[in-house]
Amino acid sequence: MKYQTIIIGQRSNFSQRLNKKIPNSKIVSSKKFLEKQNFFLKYKSKKLNIIINNFYPSYMMGQKIDLNIFLQNSIETIKKILNVYSTKNINKI
């Protein structure tokens, strides 16, 4: 079975390059993903690889880290994925 790859983190150069290199991939902004609770419903019957590339914006790395933003961008995103999408259909995160 072929896997669909979802890349979360649209503005990143790394995400853009991954999207070009990985066949059958789709890129989505983390903000849109977090706002759309039903994003993964259309992928419910597909096997997925999920790449989360939105932990903290690189342009903010020299500044004091806001842990609330960091936690929302990392743990909250993963939590929402696992709450909505069946883990038996997730190949890798």
C-alpha atoms as a PDB file:
ATOM      1  CA  MET A   1       0.000   0.000   0.000  1.00  0.00           C
ATOM      2  CA  LYS A   2       1.261   3.448  -0.899  1.00  0.00           C
ATOM      3  CA  TYR A   3       1.549   5.991   1.867  1.00  0.00           C
ATOM      4  CA  GLN A   4       0.360   9.582   1.664  1.00  0.00           C
ATOM      5  CA  THR A   5       2.817  11.956   3.341  1.00  0.00           C
ATOM      6  CA  ILE A   6       1.495  15.034   5.117  1.00  0.00           C
ATOM      7  CA  ILE A   7       4.047  17.742   5.964  1.00  0.00           C
ATOM      8  CA  ILE A   8       2.902  20.171   8.665  1.00  0.00           C
ATOM      9  CA  GLY A   9       4.816  23.449   8.560  1.00  0.00           C
ATOM     10  CA  GLN A  10       4.283  25.259   5.282  1.00  0.00           C
ATOM     11  CA  ARG A  11       6.578  28.305   5.558  1.00  0.00           C
ATOM     12  CA  SER A  12       9.761  26.387   6.206  1.00  0.00           C
ATOM     13  CA  ASN A  13      12.361  25.993   3.453  1.00  0.00           C
ATOM     14  CA  PHE A  14      12.942  22.474   4.736  1.00  0.00           C
ATOM     15  CA  SER A  15       9.243  21.610   4.352  1.00  0.00           C
ATOM     16  CA  GLN A  16       9.198  23.028   0.831  1.00  0.00           C
ATOM     17  CA  ARG A  17      12.188  20.889  -0.159  1.00  0.00           C
ATOM     18  CA  LEU A  18      10.722  17.780   1.432  1.00  0.00           C
ATOM     19  CA  ASN A  19       7.497  18.337  -0.474  1.00  0.00           C
ATOM     20  CA  LYS A  20       9.423  18.440  -3.753  1.00  0.00           C
ATOM     21  CA  LYS A  21      11.475  15.328  -2.939  1.00  0.00           C
ATOM     22  CA  ILE A  22       8.801  13.068  -1.448  1.00  0.00           C
ATOM     23  CA  PRO A  23       6.346  11.620  -3.947  1.00  0.00           C
ATOM     24  CA  ASN A  24       2.676  11.668  -2.953  1.00  0.00           C
ATOM     25  CA  SER A  25       3.181  14.390  -0.321  1.00  0.00           C
ATOM     26  CA  LYS A  26       1.013  17.320   0.694  1.00  0.00           C
ATOM     27  CA  ILE A  27       2.122  20.336   2.670  1.00  0.00           C
ATOM     28  CA  VAL A  28      -0.162  22.222   5.048  1.00  0.00           C
ATOM     29  CA  SER A  29       0.396  25.165   7.367  1.00  0.00           C
ATOM     30  CA  SER A  30       0.288  24.298  11.060  1.00  0.00           C
ATOM     31  CA  LYS A  31      -2.061  27.215  11.696  1.00  0.00           C
ATOM     32  CA  LYS A  32      -4.596  25.916   9.168  1.00  0.00           C
ATOM     33  CA  PHE A  33      -4.204  22.406  10.505  1.00  0.00           C
ATOM     34  CA  LEU A  34      -4.835  23.502  14.097  1.00  0.00           C
ATOM     35  CA  GLU A  35      -7.873  25.563  13.041  1.00  0.00           C
ATOM     36  CA  LYS A  36      -9.397  22.774  10.927  1.00  0.00           C
ATOM     37  CA  GLN A  37     -10.227  19.967  13.321  1.00  0.00           C
ATOM     38  CA  ASN A  38     -11.477  17.790  10.467  1.00  0.00           C
ATOM     39  CA  PHE A  39      -8.370  18.099   8.266  1.00  0.00           C
ATOM     40  CA  PHE A  40      -7.435  14.418   8.613  1.00  0.00           C
ATOM     41  CA  LEU A  41     -10.962  13.097   8.037  1.00  0.00           C
ATOM     42  CA  LYS A  42     -10.421  12.998   4.274  1.00  0.00           C
ATOM     43  CA  TYR A  43      -7.349  10.810   4.899  1.00  0.00           C
ATOM     44  CA  LYS A  44      -9.129   8.481   7.320  1.00  0.00           C
ATOM     45  CA  SER A  45      -8.889   5.402   5.092  1.00  0.00           C
ATOM     46  CA  LYS A  46      -5.327   6.079   3.898  1.00  0.00           C
ATOM     47  CA  LYS A  47      -2.040   5.087   5.415  1.00  0.00           C
ATOM     48  CA  LEU A  48      -0.052   8.178   6.389  1.00  0.00           C
ATOM     49  CA  ASN A  49       3.441   9.354   7.089  1.00  0.00           C
ATOM     50  CA  ILE A  50       3.297  12.622   9.001  1.00  0.00           C
ATOM     51  CA  ILE A  51       6.189  15.074   9.130  1.00  0.00           C
ATOM     52  CA  ILE A  52       5.834  17.798  11.746  1.00  0.00           C
ATOM     53  CA  ASN A  53       8.205  20.657  11.001  1.00  0.00           C
ATOM     54  CA  ASN A  54       6.802  23.531  12.998  1.00  0.00           C
ATOM     55  CA  PHE A  55       8.365  23.357  16.432  1.00  0.00           C
ATOM     56  CA  TYR A  56       9.748  26.883  16.618  1.00  0.00           C
ATOM     57  CA  PRO A  57      10.367  29.479  13.895  1.00  0.00           C
ATOM     58  CA  SER A  58      14.080  29.733  13.117  1.00  0.00           C
ATOM     59  CA  TYR A  59      13.907  33.526  12.925  1.00  0.00           C
ATOM     60  CA  MET A  60      12.977  33.532  16.627  1.00  0.00           C
ATOM     61  CA  MET A  61      15.772  31.230  17.775  1.00  0.00           C
ATOM     62  CA  GLY A  62      18.038  34.073  18.911  1.00  0.00           C
ATOM     63  CA  GLN A  63      15.290  35.442  21.129  1.00  0.00           C
ATOM     64  CA  LYS A  64      13.942  34.240  24.435  1.00  0.00           C
ATOM     65  CA  ILE A  65      11.927  31.082  23.771  1.00  0.00           C
ATOM     66  CA  ASP A  66       8.228  31.361  24.550  1.00  0.00           C
ATOM     67  CA  LEU A  67       7.441  27.912  25.941  1.00  0.00           C
ATOM     68  CA  ASN A  68       3.719  28.335  25.277  1.00  0.00           C
ATOM     69  CA  ILE A  69       4.384  28.771  21.546  1.00  0.00           C
ATOM     70  CA  PHE A  70       6.864  25.896  21.558  1.00  0.00           C
ATOM     71  CA  LEU A  71       4.419  23.542  23.301  1.00  0.00           C
ATOM     72  CA  GLN A  72       1.516  24.558  21.067  1.00  0.00           C
ATOM     73  CA  ASN A  73       3.603  24.037  17.937  1.00  0.00           C
ATOM     74  CA  SER A  74       4.890  20.641  18.985  1.00  0.00           C
ATOM     75  CA  ILE A  75       2.848  18.734  21.534  1.00  0.00           C
ATOM     76  CA  GLU A  76      -0.548  20.285  20.740  1.00  0.00           C
ATOM     77  CA  THR A  77      -0.162  19.477  17.053  1.00  0.00           C
ATOM     78  CA  ILE A  78       0.721  15.846  17.753  1.00  0.00           C
ATOM     79  CA  LYS A  79      -2.109  15.564  20.282  1.00  0.00           C
ATOM     80  CA  LYS A  80      -4.674  16.840  17.775  1.00  0.00           C
ATOM     81  CA  ILE A  81      -3.453  14.447  15.106  1.00  0.00           C
ATOM     82  CA  LEU A  82      -3.744  11.469  17.443  1.00  0.00           C
ATOM     83  CA  ASN A  83      -7.177  12.569  18.701  1.00  0.00           C
ATOM     84  CA  VAL A  84      -8.610  12.816  15.179  1.00  0.00           C
ATOM     85  CA  TYR A  85      -6.800  10.165  13.173  1.00  0.00           C
ATOM     86  CA  SER A  86      -6.626   6.458  13.867  1.00  0.00           C
ATOM     87  CA  THR A  87      -3.093   5.568  14.950  1.00  0.00           C
ATOM     88  CA  LYS A  88      -3.314   2.181  13.212  1.00  0.00           C
ATOM     89  CA  ASN A  89      -3.205   4.018   9.862  1.00  0.00           C
ATOM     90  CA  ILE A  90      -0.188   6.129  10.751  1.00  0.00           C
ATOM     91  CA  ASN A  91       3.019   4.575   9.472  1.00  0.00           C
ATOM     92  CA  LYS A  92       5.446   7.144  10.933  1.00  0.00           C
ATOM     93  CA  ILE A  93       5.367  10.520  12.655  1.00  0.00           C
END
